[in-house]
Amino acid sequence: MDKNKFAFDKMNFLLLAAGMVVVIIGFLLMTGPSSSPEHFEPDIFSVRRIKVAPIVCLIGFVSIIYAVVRKPKQSDN
């Protein structure tokens, strides 16, 4: 099969996978204990959950968009 007919090359798939991993890490950073009616958990307002995790997710989503938009190099076979 001719490689020039594919929309993505190996680098696109690697960037896409890396972006997905970064997004998953961002969502994992958002997890933690939750508050209940009987107990207030102040950790829900931590810097990690409010600022760091959304920025990590945003970086992951931007890298996924770049991986989809990136044009593969054309080889002269």
C-alpha atoms as a PDB file:
ATOM      1  CA  MET A   1       0.000   0.000   0.000  1.00  0.00           C
ATOM      2  CA  ASP A   2       1.258   3.469  -0.886  1.00  0.00           C
ATOM      3  CA  LYS A   3       2.256   5.559   2.137  1.00  0.00           C
ATOM      4  CA  ASN A   4       1.370   8.809   0.355  1.00  0.00           C
ATOM      5  CA  LYS A   5      -2.344   7.934   0.557  1.00  0.00           C
ATOM      6  CA  PHE A   6      -2.441   8.129   4.368  1.00  0.00           C
ATOM      7  CA  ALA A   7      -3.461  11.394   6.003  1.00  0.00           C
ATOM      8  CA  PHE A   8      -1.197  10.770   9.017  1.00  0.00           C
ATOM      9  CA  ASP A   9       2.366   9.567   9.289  1.00  0.00           C
ATOM     10  CA  LYS A  10       4.142   8.011  12.266  1.00  0.00           C
ATOM     11  CA  MET A  11       4.948  11.399  13.812  1.00  0.00           C
ATOM     12  CA  ASN A  12       1.279  12.446  13.729  1.00  0.00           C
ATOM     13  CA  PHE A  13       0.289   9.312  15.617  1.00  0.00           C
ATOM     14  CA  LEU A  14       3.066   9.818  18.184  1.00  0.00           C
ATOM     15  CA  LEU A  15       2.021  13.435  18.774  1.00  0.00           C
ATOM     16  CA  LEU A  16      -1.606  12.351  19.060  1.00  0.00           C
ATOM     17  CA  ALA A  17      -0.760   9.660  21.614  1.00  0.00           C
ATOM     18  CA  ALA A  18       1.426  12.051  23.607  1.00  0.00           C
ATOM     19  CA  GLY A  19      -1.381  14.620  23.650  1.00  0.00           C
ATOM     20  CA  MET A  20      -3.839  12.024  24.907  1.00  0.00           C
ATOM     21  CA  VAL A  21      -1.450  11.006  27.683  1.00  0.00           C
ATOM     22  CA  VAL A  22      -1.055  14.655  28.739  1.00  0.00           C
ATOM     23  CA  VAL A  23      -4.843  15.128  28.821  1.00  0.00           C
ATOM     24  CA  ILE A  24      -5.249  11.991  30.943  1.00  0.00           C
ATOM     25  CA  ILE A  25      -2.565  13.254  33.332  1.00  0.00           C
ATOM     26  CA  GLY A  26      -4.426  16.574  33.573  1.00  0.00           C
ATOM     27  CA  PHE A  27      -7.670  14.832  34.467  1.00  0.00           C
ATOM     28  CA  LEU A  28      -5.893  12.680  37.038  1.00  0.00           C
ATOM     29  CA  LEU A  29      -4.471  15.844  38.600  1.00  0.00           C
ATOM     30  CA  MET A  30      -8.043  17.114  39.038  1.00  0.00           C
ATOM     31  CA  THR A  31      -9.098  14.107  41.096  1.00  0.00           C
ATOM     32  CA  GLY A  32      -9.124  14.085  44.861  1.00  0.00           C
ATOM     33  CA  PRO A  33     -11.406  13.964  47.864  1.00  0.00           C
ATOM     34  CA  SER A  34     -14.796  15.576  47.547  1.00  0.00           C
ATOM     35  CA  SER A  35     -16.891  17.520  50.005  1.00  0.00           C
ATOM     36  CA  SER A  36     -20.057  16.157  51.522  1.00  0.00           C
ATOM     37  CA  PRO A  37     -22.900  17.875  53.393  1.00  0.00           C
ATOM     38  CA  GLU A  38     -21.372  16.737  56.690  1.00  0.00           C
ATOM     39  CA  HIS A  39     -17.728  17.484  55.910  1.00  0.00           C
ATOM     40  CA  PHE A  40     -16.112  20.315  53.941  1.00  0.00           C
ATOM     41  CA  GLU A  41     -12.922  19.362  52.124  1.00  0.00           C
ATOM     42  CA  PRO A  42     -10.722  22.442  51.550  1.00  0.00           C
ATOM     43  CA  ASP A  43      -8.581  20.501  49.055  1.00  0.00           C
ATOM     44  CA  ILE A  44     -11.199  21.133  46.357  1.00  0.00           C
ATOM     45  CA  PHE A  45      -9.758  24.651  46.082  1.00  0.00           C
ATOM     46  CA  SER A  46      -6.102  23.599  45.857  1.00  0.00           C
ATOM     47  CA  VAL A  47      -3.823  25.144  43.251  1.00  0.00           C
ATOM     48  CA  ARG A  48      -3.248  21.734  41.692  1.00  0.00           C
ATOM     49  CA  ARG A  49      -6.948  21.181  41.029  1.00  0.00           C
ATOM     50  CA  ILE A  50      -7.890  24.752  40.096  1.00  0.00           C
ATOM     51  CA  LYS A  51      -4.907  25.996  38.050  1.00  0.00           C
ATOM     52  CA  VAL A  52      -2.341  23.319  37.214  1.00  0.00           C
ATOM     53  CA  ALA A  53      -4.651  20.533  36.003  1.00  0.00           C
ATOM     54  CA  PRO A  54      -6.687  22.684  33.570  1.00  0.00           C
ATOM     55  CA  ILE A  55      -3.485  24.146  32.096  1.00  0.00           C
ATOM     56  CA  VAL A  56      -2.067  20.635  31.623  1.00  0.00           C
ATOM     57  CA  CYS A  57      -5.308  19.568  29.920  1.00  0.00           C
ATOM     58  CA  LEU A  58      -5.235  22.629  27.680  1.00  0.00           C
ATOM     59  CA  ILE A  59      -1.655  21.856  26.629  1.00  0.00           C
ATOM     60  CA  GLY A  60      -2.734  18.290  25.840  1.00  0.00           C
ATOM     61  CA  PHE A  61      -5.716  19.400  23.761  1.00  0.00           C
ATOM     62  CA  VAL A  62      -3.589  21.916  21.836  1.00  0.00           C
ATOM     63  CA  SER A  63      -1.020  19.218  21.059  1.00  0.00           C
ATOM     64  CA  ILE A  64      -3.803  16.901  19.866  1.00  0.00           C
ATOM     65  CA  ILE A  65      -5.095  19.633  17.558  1.00  0.00           C
ATOM     66  CA  TYR A  66      -1.571  20.208  16.251  1.00  0.00           C
ATOM     67  CA  ALA A  67      -1.167  16.462  15.627  1.00  0.00           C
ATOM     68  CA  VAL A  68      -4.362  16.408  13.568  1.00  0.00           C
ATOM     69  CA  VAL A  69      -3.569  19.569  11.593  1.00  0.00           C
ATOM     70  CA  ARG A  70       0.130  18.792  10.978  1.00  0.00           C
ATOM     71  CA  LYS A  71       0.840  17.894   7.371  1.00  0.00           C
ATOM     72  CA  PRO A  72       3.152  14.908   6.903  1.00  0.00           C
ATOM     73  CA  LYS A  73       6.358  15.355   4.945  1.00  0.00           C
ATOM     74  CA  GLN A  74       6.098  14.206   1.337  1.00  0.00           C
ATOM     75  CA  SER A  75       8.738  11.725   0.209  1.00  0.00           C
ATOM     76  CA  ASP A  76       9.942  11.651  -3.406  1.00  0.00           C
ATOM     77  CA  ASN A  77       9.684   7.916  -4.174  1.00  0.00           C
END
